[in-house]
Amino acid sequence: MKTRRTRPPNALDERTAVQLVELFDVFSDPSRVRLISVLAAGEQNVGAVAAAGLTGWLWLDPIIAIAVAINILWSAYRLLRVRRRV
């Protein structure tokens, strides 16, 4: 006879647990919390969001921005290359 596994009365179901993990992941980095706090004040322009800083290390932020831009360009190049073959 199989016994059915039940969760303790106060335990979260799987879906809720996954949602909480995703939520806490957003708040796991101080720079993300700073950006969220800026955006929570209402709609902002790019300058206001950039002023919050990505890492808090001023020398590293431009390097990260360049890396992100290169990644976007590389992805676009691969998409175009695949499209030309089709």
C-alpha atoms as a PDB file:
ATOM      1  CA  MET A   1       0.000   0.000   0.000  1.00  0.00           C
ATOM      2  CA  LYS A   2       1.383   3.366  -1.032  1.00  0.00           C
ATOM      3  CA  THR A   3       1.278   6.160   1.439  1.00  0.00           C
ATOM      4  CA  ARG A   4       0.456   9.516   0.058  1.00  0.00           C
ATOM      5  CA  ARG A   5       3.024  12.161   0.849  1.00  0.00           C
ATOM      6  CA  THR A   6       1.426  15.250   2.308  1.00  0.00           C
ATOM      7  CA  ARG A   7       3.063  18.488   3.124  1.00  0.00           C
ATOM      8  CA  PRO A   8       3.017  19.962   6.604  1.00  0.00           C
ATOM      9  CA  PRO A   9       0.009  22.233   7.230  1.00  0.00           C
ATOM     10  CA  ASN A  10       1.986  25.505   7.010  1.00  0.00           C
ATOM     11  CA  ALA A  11       4.312  24.537   4.135  1.00  0.00           C
ATOM     12  CA  LEU A  12       4.090  26.398   0.843  1.00  0.00           C
ATOM     13  CA  ASP A  13       2.910  24.687  -2.297  1.00  0.00           C
ATOM     14  CA  GLU A  14       5.455  24.318  -5.121  1.00  0.00           C
ATOM     15  CA  ARG A  15       4.129  27.191  -7.242  1.00  0.00           C
ATOM     16  CA  THR A  16       4.188  29.676  -4.360  1.00  0.00           C
ATOM     17  CA  ALA A  17       7.667  28.545  -3.336  1.00  0.00           C
ATOM     18  CA  VAL A  18       8.991  29.104  -6.874  1.00  0.00           C
ATOM     19  CA  GLN A  19       7.395  32.570  -7.011  1.00  0.00           C
ATOM     20  CA  LEU A  20       9.009  33.528  -3.694  1.00  0.00           C
ATOM     21  CA  VAL A  21      12.410  32.314  -4.876  1.00  0.00           C
ATOM     22  CA  GLU A  22      12.085  34.477  -7.990  1.00  0.00           C
ATOM     23  CA  LEU A  23      11.002  37.463  -5.895  1.00  0.00           C
ATOM     24  CA  PHE A  24      13.871  37.124  -3.442  1.00  0.00           C
ATOM     25  CA  ASP A  25      16.295  36.665  -6.340  1.00  0.00           C
ATOM     26  CA  VAL A  26      15.307  40.133  -7.559  1.00  0.00           C
ATOM     27  CA  PHE A  27      16.176  41.576  -4.153  1.00  0.00           C
ATOM     28  CA  SER A  28      19.405  39.588  -3.742  1.00  0.00           C
ATOM     29  CA  ASP A  29      21.640  42.345  -5.102  1.00  0.00           C
ATOM     30  CA  PRO A  30      21.907  45.865  -3.623  1.00  0.00           C
ATOM     31  CA  SER A  31      22.098  47.458  -7.073  1.00  0.00           C
ATOM     32  CA  ARG A  32      18.797  45.836  -8.029  1.00  0.00           C
ATOM     33  CA  VAL A  33      17.188  47.143  -4.862  1.00  0.00           C
ATOM     34  CA  ARG A  34      18.467  50.659  -5.668  1.00  0.00           C
ATOM     35  CA  LEU A  35      17.038  50.453  -9.193  1.00  0.00           C
ATOM     36  CA  ILE A  36      13.702  49.178  -7.899  1.00  0.00           C
ATOM     37  CA  SER A  37      13.570  52.021  -5.380  1.00  0.00           C
ATOM     38  CA  VAL A  38      14.158  54.574  -8.142  1.00  0.00           C
ATOM     39  CA  LEU A  39      11.469  53.022 -10.336  1.00  0.00           C
ATOM     40  CA  ALA A  40       9.027  52.720  -7.410  1.00  0.00           C
ATOM     41  CA  ALA A  41       8.918  56.526  -7.215  1.00  0.00           C
ATOM     42  CA  GLY A  42       7.229  56.566 -10.612  1.00  0.00           C
ATOM     43  CA  GLU A  43       8.170  56.745 -14.250  1.00  0.00           C
ATOM     44  CA  GLN A  44      11.781  57.889 -14.651  1.00  0.00           C
ATOM     45  CA  ASN A  45      13.997  58.904 -17.520  1.00  0.00           C
ATOM     46  CA  VAL A  46      17.110  56.944 -18.399  1.00  0.00           C
ATOM     47  CA  GLY A  47      19.352  59.463 -16.645  1.00  0.00           C
ATOM     48  CA  ALA A  48      17.612  58.965 -13.313  1.00  0.00           C
ATOM     49  CA  VAL A  49      17.853  55.212 -13.603  1.00  0.00           C
ATOM     50  CA  ALA A  50      21.496  55.400 -14.647  1.00  0.00           C
ATOM     51  CA  ALA A  51      22.226  57.653 -11.676  1.00  0.00           C
ATOM     52  CA  ALA A  52      21.228  54.783  -9.395  1.00  0.00           C
ATOM     53  CA  GLY A  53      24.198  52.899 -10.843  1.00  0.00           C
ATOM     54  CA  LEU A  54      24.440  49.317 -11.898  1.00  0.00           C
ATOM     55  CA  THR A  55      27.108  48.141  -9.493  1.00  0.00           C
ATOM     56  CA  GLY A  56      27.940  51.155  -7.393  1.00  0.00           C
ATOM     57  CA  TRP A  57      31.494  50.941  -8.730  1.00  0.00           C
ATOM     58  CA  LEU A  58      31.752  53.853 -11.117  1.00  0.00           C
ATOM     59  CA  TRP A  59      34.669  52.374 -13.065  1.00  0.00           C
ATOM     60  CA  LEU A  60      32.785  49.110 -13.679  1.00  0.00           C
ATOM     61  CA  ASP A  61      29.416  50.462 -14.850  1.00  0.00           C
ATOM     62  CA  PRO A  62      30.592  51.578 -18.338  1.00  0.00           C
ATOM     63  CA  ILE A  63      32.331  48.239 -18.859  1.00  0.00           C
ATOM     64  CA  ILE A  64      29.119  46.387 -18.025  1.00  0.00           C
ATOM     65  CA  ALA A  65      27.131  48.667 -20.344  1.00  0.00           C
ATOM     66  CA  ILE A  66      29.570  47.966 -23.185  1.00  0.00           C
ATOM     67  CA  ALA A  67      29.418  44.220 -22.522  1.00  0.00           C
ATOM     68  CA  VAL A  68      25.619  44.276 -22.624  1.00  0.00           C
ATOM     69  CA  ALA A  69      25.653  46.282 -25.876  1.00  0.00           C
ATOM     70  CA  ILE A  70      28.114  43.851 -27.473  1.00  0.00           C
ATOM     71  CA  ASN A  71      25.954  40.930 -26.386  1.00  0.00           C
ATOM     72  CA  ILE A  72      22.879  42.533 -27.977  1.00  0.00           C
ATOM     73  CA  LEU A  73      24.763  43.220 -31.214  1.00  0.00           C
ATOM     74  CA  TRP A  74      26.156  39.679 -31.300  1.00  0.00           C
ATOM     75  CA  SER A  75      22.660  38.226 -30.806  1.00  0.00           C
ATOM     76  CA  ALA A  76      21.313  40.413 -33.612  1.00  0.00           C
ATOM     77  CA  TYR A  77      24.158  39.340 -35.909  1.00  0.00           C
ATOM     78  CA  ARG A  78      23.427  35.657 -35.255  1.00  0.00           C
ATOM     79  CA  LEU A  79      19.720  36.199 -35.944  1.00  0.00           C
ATOM     80  CA  LEU A  80      20.463  37.935 -39.234  1.00  0.00           C
ATOM     81  CA  ARG A  81      22.956  35.277 -40.255  1.00  0.00           C
ATOM     82  CA  VAL A  82      20.410  32.520 -39.624  1.00  0.00           C
ATOM     83  CA  ARG A  83      17.728  34.451 -41.512  1.00  0.00           C
ATOM     84  CA  ARG A  84      19.954  34.865 -44.578  1.00  0.00           C
ATOM     85  CA  ARG A  85      20.467  31.107 -44.748  1.00  0.00           C
ATOM     86  CA  VAL A  86      16.738  30.412 -44.765  1.00  0.00           C
END
